[in-house]
């Protein structure tokens, strides 16, 4: 086998392994104590305040203080190349969505029997185990629209990955702007709801990384991509072989 093919084969294997292991969630025994508890919510409307992001002025109306710790099981970055909805509605305040599990779902390991993925505004959950669909487990997961106008905090939120265990503190809030046709979004204030409007919209004031996911799958993905690039370069520069 030629060196180029060896590099290409190794690159494919390393990249695939990095993607596969990068989606693995921590074992229950690896969970930080904080993620085993339910979120703490204090319902008390606070004064409306202004926030500016992406050149747009937003009106933020808090409805409750909120403190949640959980395992990141899926995520969506509003800067993703395929995300057109945030741009279309001038929604630059919502920097990332994190799908989190906590409480009974985390403590009993139900999340390890589920598969998670994220769309532009929703977290999808699938499972082949009916036992994982108990109400106590389904209420202990949520898609969280995270808001901030602080560039440093936005970078930290966007750096979070599947498997990270985090604590977020801030305010559940509705927000809106009047640019173009205008835009507004509310927030859920209960854990039992599902479907449209069930996501928590959280203006984040504080982020704590309780326990990071292993970094080596990310390194494996980078190594695989580098091997693929090098293999392709060697294949392209190799002289054509004569045919008999």
Foldseek 3Di string as FASTA:
>chain_A
DDPLVVLLVLLVVLQVQLVVVLLDADDLVPDDPQQQDAKDKAFDKDDWDWADAPNFIKIKTFGIWIKHKFFFNEKDACPDPPNDVCVVQVPGFQGMKTKGFGHPCSNVVLVNQWHWYDDPQDIDIDGPDVVSPPLVRQLRIAIEREGDRDPVVSVVVVPAGGRWIKMWTATQIKMKGPPDPIDIAHADPGSRDDDPRDHTYGHTDDMDGPGHDDPVSVVSSVSSVVSNVVSVVCVVPDDDDDDD
